[in-house]
Amino acid sequence: LVKEVENKSKRKYEKLITNDLKHNSKAFYSYLRSRQTVKSMVTVLRQENGALTENDVETAECLVNAFSSVFVREPLGPLPQNCFNHCEESISNLIFDESDVYNELKSIDIYKSFGPDNVHPKLL
């Protein structure tokens, strides 16, 4: 009986998120990801000296060395001024009014993630 109720509830939820897929695709794909299982693990890697790792700690250290050699730590703070000098033309004939802005804000999908301004679409 419990299994039957559980299956019925699961089917009801799946139907709900598939019916709302067009407006809230985030919930659908989140559910799909939760249903996937990944069973592969990294167990042995070849170290810089050519030897294979023998335990989890050595494997983790090998991964840390590989990733740290690829990524560059950039200084905090404002960007250098010369990175803004690539634009040679400016937009001077841009005309829009309040209704244009209102229509654009109305068309924002509130289920999408933050934009480059770090403001959630629901707040806009």
PDB file of N, CA and C in Angstrom:
ATOM      1  N   LEU A   1       0.832  -1.204   0.000  1.00  0.00           N
ATOM      2  CA  LEU A   1       0.000   0.000   0.000  1.00  0.00           C
ATOM      3  C   LEU A   1       0.875   1.266   0.000  1.00  0.00           C
ATOM      4  N   VAL A   2       1.922   1.269   0.813  1.00  0.00           N
ATOM      5  CA  VAL A   2       2.800   2.441   0.883  1.00  0.00           C
ATOM      6  C   VAL A   2       3.511   2.646  -0.460  1.00  0.00           C
ATOM      7  N   LYS A   3       3.976   1.549  -1.051  1.00  0.00           N
ATOM      8  CA  LYS A   3       4.660   1.634  -2.340  1.00  0.00           C
ATOM      9  C   LYS A   3       3.721   2.169  -3.420  1.00  0.00           C
ATOM     10  N   GLU A   4       2.454   1.777  -3.369  1.00  0.00           N
ATOM     11  CA  GLU A   4       1.458   2.233  -4.348  1.00  0.00           C
ATOM     12  C   GLU A   4       1.228   3.739  -4.221  1.00  0.00           C
ATOM     13  N   VAL A   5       1.112   4.216  -2.995  1.00  0.00           N
ATOM     14  CA  VAL A   5       0.919   5.650  -2.746  1.00  0.00           C
ATOM     15  C   VAL A   5       2.165   6.427  -3.183  1.00  0.00           C
ATOM     16  N   GLU A   6       3.323   5.858  -2.905  1.00  0.00           N
ATOM     17  CA  GLU A   6       4.579   6.510  -3.285  1.00  0.00           C
ATOM     18  C   GLU A   6       4.688   6.629  -4.816  1.00  0.00           C
ATOM     19  N   ASN A   7       4.362   5.554  -5.522  1.00  0.00           N
ATOM     20  CA  ASN A   7       4.416   5.578  -6.991  1.00  0.00           C
ATOM     21  C   ASN A   7       3.411   6.567  -7.569  1.00  0.00           C
ATOM     22  N   LYS A   8       2.224   6.615  -6.969  1.00  0.00           N
ATOM     23  CA  LYS A   8       1.184   7.538  -7.439  1.00  0.00           C
ATOM     24  C   LYS A   8       1.647   8.990  -7.244  1.00  0.00           C
ATOM     25  N   SER A   9       2.238   9.261  -6.085  1.00  0.00           N
ATOM     26  CA  SER A   9       2.736  10.603  -5.799  1.00  0.00           C
ATOM     27  C   SER A   9       3.867  10.977  -6.758  1.00  0.00           C
ATOM     28  N   LYS A  10       4.736  10.020  -7.050  1.00  0.00           N
ATOM     29  CA  LYS A  10       5.848  10.256  -7.966  1.00  0.00           C
ATOM     30  C   LYS A  10       5.328  10.569  -9.376  1.00  0.00           C
ATOM     31  N   ARG A  11       4.366   9.803  -9.851  1.00  0.00           N
ATOM     32  CA  ARG A  11       3.789  10.047 -11.177  1.00  0.00           C
ATOM     33  C   ARG A  11       3.102  11.413 -11.230  1.00  0.00           C
ATOM     34  N   LYS A  12       2.423  11.778 -10.132  1.00  0.00           N
ATOM     35  CA  LYS A  12       1.742  13.069 -10.076  1.00  0.00           C
ATOM     36  C   LYS A  12       2.764  14.213 -10.169  1.00  0.00           C
ATOM     37  N   TYR A  13       3.878  14.077  -9.447  1.00  0.00           N
ATOM     38  CA  TYR A  13       4.915  15.108  -9.484  1.00  0.00           C
ATOM     39  C   TYR A  13       5.548  15.184 -10.873  1.00  0.00           C
ATOM     40  N   GLU A  14       5.834  14.030 -11.465  1.00  0.00           N
ATOM     41  CA  GLU A  14       6.425  14.015 -12.801  1.00  0.00           C
ATOM     42  C   GLU A  14       5.493  14.655 -13.824  1.00  0.00           C
ATOM     43  N   LYS A  15       4.215  14.407 -13.703  1.00  0.00           N
ATOM     44  CA  LYS A  15       3.243  15.012 -14.622  1.00  0.00           C
ATOM     45  C   LYS A  15       3.207  16.529 -14.415  1.00  0.00           C
ATOM     46  N   LEU A  16       3.283  16.954 -13.159  1.00  0.00           N
ATOM     47  CA  LEU A  16       3.259  18.383 -12.833  1.00  0.00           C
ATOM     48  C   LEU A  16       4.449  19.104 -13.468  1.00  0.00           C
ATOM     49  N   ILE A  17       5.649  18.555 -13.310  1.00  0.00           N
ATOM     50  CA  ILE A  17       6.825  19.261 -13.844  1.00  0.00           C
ATOM     51  C   ILE A  17       6.895  19.169 -15.362  1.00  0.00           C
ATOM     52  N   THR A  18       6.363  18.106 -15.957  1.00  0.00           N
ATOM     53  CA  THR A  18       6.370  18.044 -17.423  1.00  0.00           C
ATOM     54  C   THR A  18       5.326  18.978 -18.022  1.00  0.00           C
ATOM     55  N   ASN A  19       4.211  19.171 -17.339  1.00  0.00           N
ATOM     56  CA  ASN A  19       3.199  20.109 -17.833  1.00  0.00           C
ATOM     57  C   ASN A  19       3.697  21.550 -17.751  1.00  0.00           C
ATOM     58  N   ASP A  20       4.553  21.824 -16.777  1.00  0.00           N
ATOM     59  CA  ASP A  20       5.068  23.184 -16.575  1.00  0.00           C
ATOM     60  C   ASP A  20       6.449  23.358 -17.210  1.00  0.00           C
ATOM     61  N   LEU A  21       6.852  22.426 -18.049  1.00  0.00           N
ATOM     62  CA  LEU A  21       8.187  22.435 -18.646  1.00  0.00           C
ATOM     63  C   LEU A  21       8.479  23.706 -19.439  1.00  0.00           C
ATOM     64  N   LYS A  22       7.500  24.204 -20.165  1.00  0.00           N
ATOM     65  CA  LYS A  22       7.719  25.389 -21.004  1.00  0.00           C
ATOM     66  C   LYS A  22       8.019  26.628 -20.164  1.00  0.00           C
ATOM     67  N   HIS A  23       7.415  26.732 -18.994  1.00  0.00           N
ATOM     68  CA  HIS A  23       7.586  27.919 -18.154  1.00  0.00           C
ATOM     69  C   HIS A  23       8.659  27.731 -17.084  1.00  0.00           C
ATOM     70  N   ASN A  24       8.874  26.484 -16.645  1.00  0.00           N
ATOM     71  CA  ASN A  24       9.833  26.237 -15.577  1.00  0.00           C
ATOM     72  C   ASN A  24      10.686  25.027 -15.934  1.00  0.00           C
ATOM     73  N   SER A  25      11.562  25.178 -16.892  1.00  0.00           N
ATOM     74  CA  SER A  25      12.401  24.057 -17.328  1.00  0.00           C
ATOM     75  C   SER A  25      13.434  23.688 -16.268  1.00  0.00           C
ATOM     76  N   LYS A  26      13.745  24.631 -15.385  1.00  0.00           N
ATOM     77  CA  LYS A  26      14.744  24.382 -14.352  1.00  0.00           C
ATOM     78  C   LYS A  26      14.322  23.227 -13.444  1.00  0.00           C
ATOM     79  N   ALA A  27      13.054  23.191 -13.059  1.00  0.00           N
ATOM     80  CA  ALA A  27      12.561  22.119 -12.185  1.00  0.00           C
ATOM     81  C   ALA A  27      12.644  20.770 -12.887  1.00  0.00           C
ATOM     82  N   PHE A  28      12.322  20.741 -14.161  1.00  0.00           N
ATOM     83  CA  PHE A  28      12.359  19.496 -14.929  1.00  0.00           C
ATOM     84  C   PHE A  28      13.773  18.938 -15.007  1.00  0.00           C
ATOM     85  N   TYR A  29      14.725  19.783 -15.405  1.00  0.00           N
ATOM     86  CA  TYR A  29      16.095  19.312 -15.554  1.00  0.00           C
ATOM     87  C   TYR A  29      16.732  19.009 -14.201  1.00  0.00           C
ATOM     88  N   SER A  30      16.332  19.713 -13.175  1.00  0.00           N
ATOM     89  CA  SER A  30      16.809  19.406 -11.832  1.00  0.00           C
ATOM     90  C   SER A  30      16.351  18.007 -11.415  1.00  0.00           C
ATOM     91  N   TYR A  31      15.100  17.689 -11.729  1.00  0.00           N
ATOM     92  CA  TYR A  31      14.570  16.363 -11.414  1.00  0.00           C
ATOM     93  C   TYR A  31      15.309  15.289 -12.220  1.00  0.00           C
ATOM     94  N   LEU A  32      15.572  15.556 -13.489  1.00  0.00           N
ATOM     95  CA  LEU A  32      16.318  14.587 -14.303  1.00  0.00           C
ATOM     96  C   LEU A  32      17.706  14.327 -13.732  1.00  0.00           C
ATOM     97  N   ARG A  33      18.394  15.397 -13.336  1.00  0.00           N
ATOM     98  CA  ARG A  33      19.733  15.230 -12.757  1.00  0.00           C
ATOM     99  C   ARG A  33      19.684  14.430 -11.465  1.00  0.00           C
ATOM    100  N   SER A  34      18.622  14.623 -10.676  1.00  0.00           N
ATOM    101  CA  SER A  34      18.524  13.897  -9.406  1.00  0.00           C
ATOM    102  C   SER A  34      18.293  12.406  -9.624  1.00  0.00           C
ATOM    103  N   ARG A  35      17.750  12.051 -10.770  1.00  0.00           N
ATOM    104  CA  ARG A  35      17.472  10.644 -11.067  1.00  0.00           C
ATOM    105  C   ARG A  35      18.669   9.920 -11.674  1.00  0.00           C
ATOM    106  N   GLN A  36      19.655  10.672 -12.131  1.00  0.00           N
ATOM    107  CA  GLN A  36      20.834  10.058 -12.735  1.00  0.00           C
ATOM    108  C   GLN A  36      21.800   9.621 -11.641  1.00  0.00           C
ATOM    109  N   THR A  37      22.439   8.499 -11.859  1.00  0.00           N
ATOM    110  CA  THR A  37      23.450   8.040 -10.918  1.00  0.00           C
ATOM    111  C   THR A  37      24.762   7.868 -11.655  1.00  0.00           C
ATOM    112  N   VAL A  38      25.810   8.365 -11.054  1.00  0.00           N
ATOM    113  CA  VAL A  38      27.142   8.232 -11.618  1.00  0.00           C
ATOM    114  C   VAL A  38      27.914   7.287 -10.707  1.00  0.00           C
ATOM    115  N   LYS A  39      28.383   6.181 -11.250  1.00  0.00           N
ATOM    116  CA  LYS A  39      29.034   5.184 -10.427  1.00  0.00           C
ATOM    117  C   LYS A  39      30.512   5.024 -10.731  1.00  0.00           C
ATOM    118  N   SER A  40      31.033   5.835 -11.627  1.00  0.00           N
ATOM    119  CA  SER A  40      32.453   5.718 -11.947  1.00  0.00           C
ATOM    120  C   SER A  40      33.265   6.574 -10.977  1.00  0.00           C
ATOM    121  N   MET A  41      34.425   6.069 -10.609  1.00  0.00           N
ATOM    122  CA  MET A  41      35.301   6.776  -9.681  1.00  0.00           C
ATOM    123  C   MET A  41      36.710   6.819 -10.256  1.00  0.00           C
ATOM    124  N   VAL A  42      37.448   7.832  -9.887  1.00  0.00           N
ATOM    125  CA  VAL A  42      38.855   7.907 -10.257  1.00  0.00           C
ATOM    126  C   VAL A  42      39.618   7.169  -9.177  1.00  0.00           C
ATOM    127  N   THR A  43      40.266   6.070  -9.551  1.00  0.00           N
ATOM    128  CA  THR A  43      40.956   5.271  -8.537  1.00  0.00           C
ATOM    129  C   THR A  43      42.468   5.342  -8.671  1.00  0.00           C
ATOM    130  N   VAL A  44      42.970   5.303  -9.913  1.00  0.00           N
ATOM    131  CA  VAL A  44      44.415   5.299 -10.124  1.00  0.00           C
ATOM    132  C   VAL A  44      44.760   6.315 -11.209  1.00  0.00           C
ATOM    133  N   LEU A  45      45.777   7.128 -10.925  1.00  0.00           N
ATOM    134  CA  LEU A  45      46.271   8.100 -11.900  1.00  0.00           C
ATOM    135  C   LEU A  45      47.781   7.952 -12.033  1.00  0.00           C
ATOM    136  N   ARG A  46      48.307   8.394 -13.155  1.00  0.00           N
ATOM    137  CA  ARG A  46      49.755   8.375 -13.352  1.00  0.00           C
ATOM    138  C   ARG A  46      50.312   9.708 -12.854  1.00  0.00           C
ATOM    139  N   GLN A  47      51.274   9.618 -11.936  1.00  0.00           N
ATOM    140  CA  GLN A  47      51.899  10.814 -11.372  1.00  0.00           C
ATOM    141  C   GLN A  47      52.931  11.374 -12.336  1.00  0.00           C
ATOM    142  N   GLU A  48      53.480  12.551 -12.004  1.00  0.00           N
ATOM    143  CA  GLU A  48      54.481  13.193 -12.865  1.00  0.00           C
ATOM    144  C   GLU A  48      55.735  12.343 -13.035  1.00  0.00           C
ATOM    145  N   ASN A  49      56.072  11.561 -12.000  1.00  0.00           N
ATOM    146  CA  ASN A  49      57.275  10.724 -12.081  1.00  0.00           C
ATOM    147  C   ASN A  49      57.020   9.411 -12.817  1.00  0.00           C
ATOM    148  N   GLY A  50      55.783   9.206 -13.300  1.00  0.00           N
ATOM    149  CA  GLY A  50      55.458   8.012 -14.066  1.00  0.00           C
ATOM    150  C   GLY A  50      54.837   6.899 -13.257  1.00  0.00           C
ATOM    151  N   ALA A  51      54.942   6.969 -11.926  1.00  0.00           N
ATOM    152  CA  ALA A  51      54.374   5.923 -11.066  1.00  0.00           C
ATOM    153  C   ALA A  51      52.864   6.108 -10.942  1.00  0.00           C
ATOM    154  N   LEU A  52      52.178   5.007 -10.665  1.00  0.00           N
ATOM    155  CA  LEU A  52      50.729   5.070 -10.456  1.00  0.00           C
ATOM    156  C   LEU A  52      50.432   5.368  -8.997  1.00  0.00           C
ATOM    157  N   THR A  53      49.341   6.084  -8.754  1.00  0.00           N
ATOM    158  CA  THR A  53      48.946   6.368  -7.375  1.00  0.00           C
ATOM    159  C   THR A  53      48.475   5.082  -6.710  1.00  0.00           C
ATOM    160  N   GLU A  54      48.729   4.994  -5.415  1.00  0.00           N
ATOM    161  CA  GLU A  54      48.404   3.763  -4.688  1.00  0.00           C
ATOM    162  C   GLU A  54      47.225   3.912  -3.733  1.00  0.00           C
ATOM    163  N   ASN A  55      46.847   5.152  -3.396  1.00  0.00           N
ATOM    164  CA  ASN A  55      45.720   5.335  -2.477  1.00  0.00           C
ATOM    165  C   ASN A  55      44.972   6.629  -2.822  1.00  0.00           C
ATOM    166  N   ASP A  56      43.893   6.876  -2.106  1.00  0.00           N
ATOM    167  CA  ASP A  56      43.047   8.041  -2.389  1.00  0.00           C
ATOM    168  C   ASP A  56      43.778   9.357  -2.167  1.00  0.00           C
ATOM    169  N   VAL A  57      44.643   9.415  -1.161  1.00  0.00           N
ATOM    170  CA  VAL A  57      45.359  10.660  -0.863  1.00  0.00           C
ATOM    171  C   VAL A  57      46.295  11.023  -2.007  1.00  0.00           C
ATOM    172  N   GLU A  58      47.040  10.051  -2.516  1.00  0.00           N
ATOM    173  CA  GLU A  58      47.938  10.309  -3.641  1.00  0.00           C
ATOM    174  C   GLU A  58      47.157  10.709  -4.895  1.00  0.00           C
ATOM    175  N   THR A  59      46.011  10.068  -5.117  1.00  0.00           N
ATOM    176  CA  THR A  59      45.169  10.407  -6.267  1.00  0.00           C
ATOM    177  C   THR A  59      44.676  11.843  -6.158  1.00  0.00           C
ATOM    178  N   ALA A  60      44.221  12.224  -4.948  1.00  0.00           N
ATOM    179  CA  ALA A  60      43.741  13.593  -4.726  1.00  0.00           C
ATOM    180  C   ALA A  60      44.866  14.600  -4.944  1.00  0.00           C
ATOM    181  N   GLU A  61      46.055  14.306  -4.449  1.00  0.00           N
ATOM    182  CA  GLU A  61      47.201  15.210  -4.622  1.00  0.00           C
ATOM    183  C   GLU A  61      47.572  15.343  -6.099  1.00  0.00           C
ATOM    184  N   CYS A  62      47.480  14.246  -6.827  1.00  0.00           N
ATOM    185  CA  CYS A  62      47.774  14.273  -8.269  1.00  0.00           C
ATOM    186  C   CYS A  62      46.772  15.170  -8.997  1.00  0.00           C
ATOM    187  N   LEU A  63      45.496  15.072  -8.627  1.00  0.00           N
ATOM    188  CA  LEU A  63      44.474  15.934  -9.234  1.00  0.00           C
ATOM    189  C   LEU A  63      44.701  17.400  -8.876  1.00  0.00           C
ATOM    190  N   VAL A  64      45.047  17.678  -7.622  1.00  0.00           N
ATOM    191  CA  VAL A  64      45.305  19.053  -7.192  1.00  0.00           C
ATOM    192  C   VAL A  64      46.460  19.644  -7.991  1.00  0.00           C
ATOM    193  N   ASN A  65      47.519  18.869  -8.165  1.00  0.00           N
ATOM    194  CA  ASN A  65      48.680  19.362  -8.934  1.00  0.00           C
ATOM    195  C   ASN A  65      48.302  19.647 -10.379  1.00  0.00           C
ATOM    196  N   ALA A  66      47.490  18.767 -10.969  1.00  0.00           N
ATOM    197  CA  ALA A  66      47.090  18.964 -12.361  1.00  0.00           C
ATOM    198  C   ALA A  66      46.225  20.209 -12.517  1.00  0.00           C
ATOM    199  N   PHE A  67      45.254  20.397 -11.640  1.00  0.00           N
ATOM    200  CA  PHE A  67      44.371  21.558 -11.751  1.00  0.00           C
ATOM    201  C   PHE A  67      45.090  22.854 -11.412  1.00  0.00           C
ATOM    202  N   SER A  68      45.944  22.843 -10.402  1.00  0.00           N
ATOM    203  CA  SER A  68      46.629  24.080 -10.022  1.00  0.00           C
ATOM    204  C   SER A  68      47.633  24.516 -11.083  1.00  0.00           C
ATOM    205  N   SER A  69      48.109  23.578 -11.893  1.00  0.00           N
ATOM    206  CA  SER A  69      49.040  23.969 -12.952  1.00  0.00           C
ATOM    207  C   SER A  69      48.319  24.621 -14.129  1.00  0.00           C
ATOM    208  N   VAL A  70      47.011  24.423 -14.232  1.00  0.00           N
ATOM    209  CA  VAL A  70      46.232  24.954 -15.353  1.00  0.00           C
ATOM    210  C   VAL A  70      45.617  26.306 -15.026  1.00  0.00           C
ATOM    211  N   PHE A  71      45.107  26.464 -13.809  1.00  0.00           N
ATOM    212  CA  PHE A  71      44.398  27.685 -13.448  1.00  0.00           C
ATOM    213  C   PHE A  71      45.353  28.749 -12.943  1.00  0.00           C
ATOM    214  N   VAL A  72      45.063  29.989 -13.309  1.00  0.00           N
ATOM    215  CA  VAL A  72      45.896  31.112 -12.925  1.00  0.00           C
ATOM    216  C   VAL A  72      45.141  31.942 -11.896  1.00  0.00           C
ATOM    217  N   ARG A  73      45.813  32.269 -10.818  1.00  0.00           N
ATOM    218  CA  ARG A  73      45.194  33.120  -9.807  1.00  0.00           C
ATOM    219  C   ARG A  73      45.406  34.576 -10.218  1.00  0.00           C
ATOM    220  N   GLU A  74      44.304  35.271 -10.499  1.00  0.00           N
ATOM    221  CA  GLU A  74      44.407  36.657 -10.941  1.00  0.00           C
ATOM    222  C   GLU A  74      44.263  37.585  -9.741  1.00  0.00           C
ATOM    223  N   PRO A  75      44.877  38.756  -9.817  1.00  0.00           N
ATOM    224  CA  PRO A  75      44.793  39.684  -8.693  1.00  0.00           C
ATOM    225  C   PRO A  75      43.370  40.219  -8.520  1.00  0.00           C
ATOM    226  N   LEU A  76      43.000  40.464  -7.260  1.00  0.00           N
ATOM    227  CA  LEU A  76      41.698  41.043  -6.961  1.00  0.00           C
ATOM    228  C   LEU A  76      41.733  42.537  -7.260  1.00  0.00           C
ATOM    229  N   GLY A  77      40.575  43.105  -7.456  1.00  0.00           N
ATOM    230  CA  GLY A  77      40.511  44.532  -7.693  1.00  0.00           C
ATOM    231  C   GLY A  77      39.978  44.855  -9.069  1.00  0.00           C
ATOM    232  N   PRO A  78      39.995  46.130  -9.408  1.00  0.00           N
ATOM    233  CA  PRO A  78      39.439  46.550 -10.699  1.00  0.00           C
ATOM    234  C   PRO A  78      40.299  46.053 -11.865  1.00  0.00           C
ATOM    235  N   LEU A  79      39.675  45.937 -13.014  1.00  0.00           N
ATOM    236  CA  LEU A  79      40.387  45.526 -14.218  1.00  0.00           C
ATOM    237  C   LEU A  79      41.300  46.650 -14.698  1.00  0.00           C
ATOM    238  N   PRO A  80      42.393  46.301 -15.353  1.00  0.00           N
ATOM    239  CA  PRO A  80      43.252  47.348 -15.902  1.00  0.00           C
ATOM    240  C   PRO A  80      42.497  48.174 -16.940  1.00  0.00           C
ATOM    241  N   GLN A  81      42.814  49.433 -17.034  1.00  0.00           N
ATOM    242  CA  GLN A  81      42.097  50.343 -17.922  1.00  0.00           C
ATOM    243  C   GLN A  81      42.243  49.957 -19.392  1.00  0.00           C
ATOM    244  N   ASN A  82      43.364  49.346 -19.770  1.00  0.00           N
ATOM    245  CA  ASN A  82      43.586  49.032 -21.178  1.00  0.00           C
ATOM    246  C   ASN A  82      42.670  47.917 -21.692  1.00  0.00           C
ATOM    247  N   CYS A  83      41.998  47.193 -20.824  1.00  0.00           N
ATOM    248  CA  CYS A  83      41.100  46.136 -21.306  1.00  0.00           C
ATOM    249  C   CYS A  83      39.796  46.724 -21.845  1.00  0.00           C
ATOM    250  N   PHE A  84      39.547  47.998 -21.606  1.00  0.00           N
ATOM    251  CA  PHE A  84      38.338  48.645 -22.099  1.00  0.00           C
ATOM    252  C   PHE A  84      38.572  49.401 -23.403  1.00  0.00           C
ATOM    253  N   ASN A  85      39.774  49.427 -23.897  1.00  0.00           N
ATOM    254  CA  ASN A  85      40.111  50.221 -25.069  1.00  0.00           C
ATOM    255  C   ASN A  85      39.860  49.510 -26.395  1.00  0.00           C
ATOM    256  N   HIS A  86      39.252  48.341 -26.386  1.00  0.00           N
ATOM    257  CA  HIS A  86      39.042  47.577 -27.613  1.00  0.00           C
ATOM    258  C   HIS A  86      37.874  48.098 -28.443  1.00  0.00           C
ATOM    259  N   CYS A  87      36.981  48.833 -27.832  1.00  0.00           N
ATOM    260  CA  CYS A  87      35.803  49.341 -28.543  1.00  0.00           C
ATOM    261  C   CYS A  87      36.154  50.693 -29.161  1.00  0.00           C
ATOM    262  N   GLU A  88      36.001  50.772 -30.474  1.00  0.00           N
ATOM    263  CA  GLU A  88      36.347  52.011 -31.148  1.00  0.00           C
ATOM    264  C   GLU A  88      35.114  52.813 -31.538  1.00  0.00           C
ATOM    265  N   GLU A  89      33.964  52.147 -31.535  1.00  0.00           N
ATOM    266  CA  GLU A  89      32.726  52.837 -31.862  1.00  0.00           C
ATOM    267  C   GLU A  89      31.861  52.940 -30.614  1.00  0.00           C
ATOM    268  N   SER A  90      31.111  53.998 -30.537  1.00  0.00           N
ATOM    269  CA  SER A  90      30.171  54.117 -29.428  1.00  0.00           C
ATOM    270  C   SER A  90      28.753  54.154 -29.984  1.00  0.00           C
ATOM    271  N   ILE A  91      27.818  53.751 -29.151  1.00  0.00           N
ATOM    272  CA  ILE A  91      26.414  53.763 -29.569  1.00  0.00           C
ATOM    273  C   ILE A  91      25.830  55.097 -29.124  1.00  0.00           C
ATOM    274  N   SER A  92      25.538  55.949 -30.091  1.00  0.00           N
ATOM    275  CA  SER A  92      25.043  57.277 -29.731  1.00  0.00           C
ATOM    276  C   SER A  92      23.588  57.493 -30.151  1.00  0.00           C
ATOM    277  N   ASN A  93      23.075  56.642 -31.015  1.00  0.00           N
ATOM    278  CA  ASN A  93      21.719  56.862 -31.504  1.00  0.00           C
ATOM    279  C   ASN A  93      20.726  55.855 -30.900  1.00  0.00           C
ATOM    280  N   LEU A  94      20.913  55.508 -29.668  1.00  0.00           N
ATOM    281  CA  LEU A  94      20.056  54.542 -28.987  1.00  0.00           C
ATOM    282  C   LEU A  94      18.876  55.281 -28.361  1.00  0.00           C
ATOM    283  N   ILE A  95      17.668  54.917 -28.787  1.00  0.00           N
ATOM    284  CA  ILE A  95      16.469  55.589 -28.279  1.00  0.00           C
ATOM    285  C   ILE A  95      15.490  54.536 -27.775  1.00  0.00           C
ATOM    286  N   PHE A  96      15.044  54.672 -26.533  1.00  0.00           N
ATOM    287  CA  PHE A  96      14.006  53.816 -25.976  1.00  0.00           C
ATOM    288  C   PHE A  96      13.281  54.591 -24.893  1.00  0.00           C
ATOM    289  N   ASP A  97      12.058  54.167 -24.611  1.00  0.00           N
ATOM    290  CA  ASP A  97      11.289  54.874 -23.588  1.00  0.00           C
ATOM    291  C   ASP A  97      10.884  53.897 -22.485  1.00  0.00           C
ATOM    292  N   GLU A  98      10.104  54.382 -21.543  1.00  0.00           N
ATOM    293  CA  GLU A  98       9.716  53.602 -20.369  1.00  0.00           C
ATOM    294  C   GLU A  98       8.927  52.353 -20.747  1.00  0.00           C
ATOM    295  N   SER A  99       8.079  52.444 -21.751  1.00  0.00           N
ATOM    296  CA  SER A  99       7.271  51.288 -22.144  1.00  0.00           C
ATOM    297  C   SER A  99       8.146  50.185 -22.743  1.00  0.00           C
ATOM    298  N   ASP A 100       9.217  50.551 -23.453  1.00  0.00           N
ATOM    299  CA  ASP A 100      10.142  49.547 -23.978  1.00  0.00           C
ATOM    300  C   ASP A 100      10.799  48.771 -22.836  1.00  0.00           C
ATOM    301  N   VAL A 101      11.241  49.498 -21.821  1.00  0.00           N
ATOM    302  CA  VAL A 101      11.875  48.863 -20.666  1.00  0.00           C
ATOM    303  C   VAL A 101      10.862  47.981 -19.947  1.00  0.00           C
ATOM    304  N   TYR A 102       9.649  48.476 -19.762  1.00  0.00           N
ATOM    305  CA  TYR A 102       8.598  47.707 -19.089  1.00  0.00           C
ATOM    306  C   TYR A 102       8.303  46.406 -19.836  1.00  0.00           C
ATOM    307  N   ASN A 103       8.186  46.475 -21.147  1.00  0.00           N
ATOM    308  CA  ASN A 103       7.904  45.271 -21.941  1.00  0.00           C
ATOM    309  C   ASN A 103       9.042  44.250 -21.857  1.00  0.00           C
ATOM    310  N   GLU A 104      10.258  44.724 -21.861  1.00  0.00           N
ATOM    311  CA  GLU A 104      11.392  43.809 -21.735  1.00  0.00           C
ATOM    312  C   GLU A 104      11.414  43.150 -20.362  1.00  0.00           C
ATOM    313  N   LEU A 105      11.151  43.926 -19.312  1.00  0.00           N
ATOM    314  CA  LEU A 105      11.136  43.366 -17.959  1.00  0.00           C
ATOM    315  C   LEU A 105      10.003  42.359 -17.780  1.00  0.00           C
ATOM    316  N   LYS A 106       8.861  42.613 -18.411  1.00  0.00           N
ATOM    317  CA  LYS A 106       7.733  41.684 -18.329  1.00  0.00           C
ATOM    318  C   LYS A 106       8.039  40.355 -19.003  1.00  0.00           C
ATOM    319  N   SER A 107       8.889  40.376 -20.010  1.00  0.00           N
ATOM    320  CA  SER A 107       9.163  39.156 -20.769  1.00  0.00           C
ATOM    321  C   SER A 107      10.288  38.311 -20.158  1.00  0.00           C
ATOM    322  N   ILE A 108      10.868  38.747 -19.039  1.00  0.00           N
ATOM    323  CA  ILE A 108      11.950  37.984 -18.403  1.00  0.00           C
ATOM    324  C   ILE A 108      11.382  36.719 -17.779  1.00  0.00           C
ATOM    325  N   ASP A 109      12.054  35.599 -17.995  1.00  0.00           N
ATOM    326  CA  ASP A 109      11.664  34.319 -17.408  1.00  0.00           C
ATOM    327  C   ASP A 109      12.181  34.274 -15.976  1.00  0.00           C
ATOM    328  N   ILE A 110      11.272  34.256 -15.007  1.00  0.00           N
ATOM    329  CA  ILE A 110      11.677  34.315 -13.593  1.00  0.00           C
ATOM    330  C   ILE A 110      12.326  33.013 -13.116  1.00  0.00           C
ATOM    331  N   TYR A 111      12.284  31.967 -13.926  1.00  0.00           N
ATOM    332  CA  TYR A 111      12.886  30.699 -13.527  1.00  0.00           C
ATOM    333  C   TYR A 111      14.332  30.570 -14.012  1.00  0.00           C
ATOM    334  N   LYS A 112      14.830  31.569 -14.697  1.00  0.00           N
ATOM    335  CA  LYS A 112      16.211  31.551 -15.146  1.00  0.00           C
ATOM    336  C   LYS A 112      17.124  32.008 -14.021  1.00  0.00           C
ATOM    337  N   SER A 113      18.418  31.795 -14.200  1.00  0.00           N
ATOM    338  CA  SER A 113      19.367  32.162 -13.162  1.00  0.00           C
ATOM    339  C   SER A 113      19.748  33.643 -13.259  1.00  0.00           C
ATOM    340  N   PHE A 114      20.569  34.086 -12.330  1.00  0.00           N
ATOM    341  CA  PHE A 114      21.009  35.470 -12.256  1.00  0.00           C
ATOM    342  C   PHE A 114      21.691  35.898 -13.550  1.00  0.00           C
ATOM    343  N   GLY A 115      21.584  37.162 -13.862  1.00  0.00           N
ATOM    344  CA  GLY A 115      22.272  37.712 -15.024  1.00  0.00           C
ATOM    345  C   GLY A 115      23.629  38.253 -14.599  1.00  0.00           C
ATOM    346  N   PRO A 116      24.310  38.967 -15.504  1.00  0.00           N
ATOM    347  CA  PRO A 116      25.626  39.511 -15.178  1.00  0.00           C
ATOM    348  C   PRO A 116      25.590  40.577 -14.084  1.00  0.00           C
ATOM    349  N   ASP A 117      24.401  41.123 -13.825  1.00  0.00           N
ATOM    350  CA  ASP A 117      24.275  42.128 -12.765  1.00  0.00           C
ATOM    351  C   ASP A 117      24.021  41.501 -11.395  1.00  0.00           C
ATOM    352  N   ASN A 118      23.965  40.146 -11.318  1.00  0.00           N
ATOM    353  CA  ASN A 118      23.711  39.403 -10.083  1.00  0.00           C
ATOM    354  C   ASN A 118      22.378  39.741  -9.432  1.00  0.00           C
ATOM    355  N   VAL A 119      21.401  40.157 -10.219  1.00  0.00           N
ATOM    356  CA  VAL A 119      20.055  40.421  -9.721  1.00  0.00           C
ATOM    357  C   VAL A 119      19.156  39.297 -10.216  1.00  0.00           C
ATOM    358  N   HIS A 120      18.441  38.661  -9.286  1.00  0.00           N
ATOM    359  CA  HIS A 120      17.568  37.556  -9.663  1.00  0.00           C
ATOM    360  C   HIS A 120      16.401  38.086 -10.504  1.00  0.00           C
ATOM    361  N   PRO A 121      15.980  37.345 -11.558  1.00  0.00           N
ATOM    362  CA  PRO A 121      14.896  37.800 -12.413  1.00  0.00           C
ATOM    363  C   PRO A 121      13.590  38.087 -11.673  1.00  0.00           C
ATOM    364  N   LYS A 122      13.337  37.422 -10.560  1.00  0.00           N
ATOM    365  CA  LYS A 122      12.108  37.695  -9.799  1.00  0.00           C
ATOM    366  C   LYS A 122      12.108  39.127  -9.260  1.00  0.00           C
ATOM    367  N   LEU A 123      13.290  39.627  -8.917  1.00  0.00           N
ATOM    368  CA  LEU A 123      13.377  40.986  -8.381  1.00  0.00           C
ATOM    369  C   LEU A 123      13.154  42.033  -9.454  1.00  0.00           C
ATOM    370  N   LEU A 124      13.498  41.697 -10.687  1.00  0.00           N
ATOM    371  CA  LEU A 124      13.313  42.659 -11.767  1.00  0.00           C
ATOM    372  C   LEU A 124      11.840  42.775 -12.088  1.00  0.00           C
TER     373      LEU A 124
END
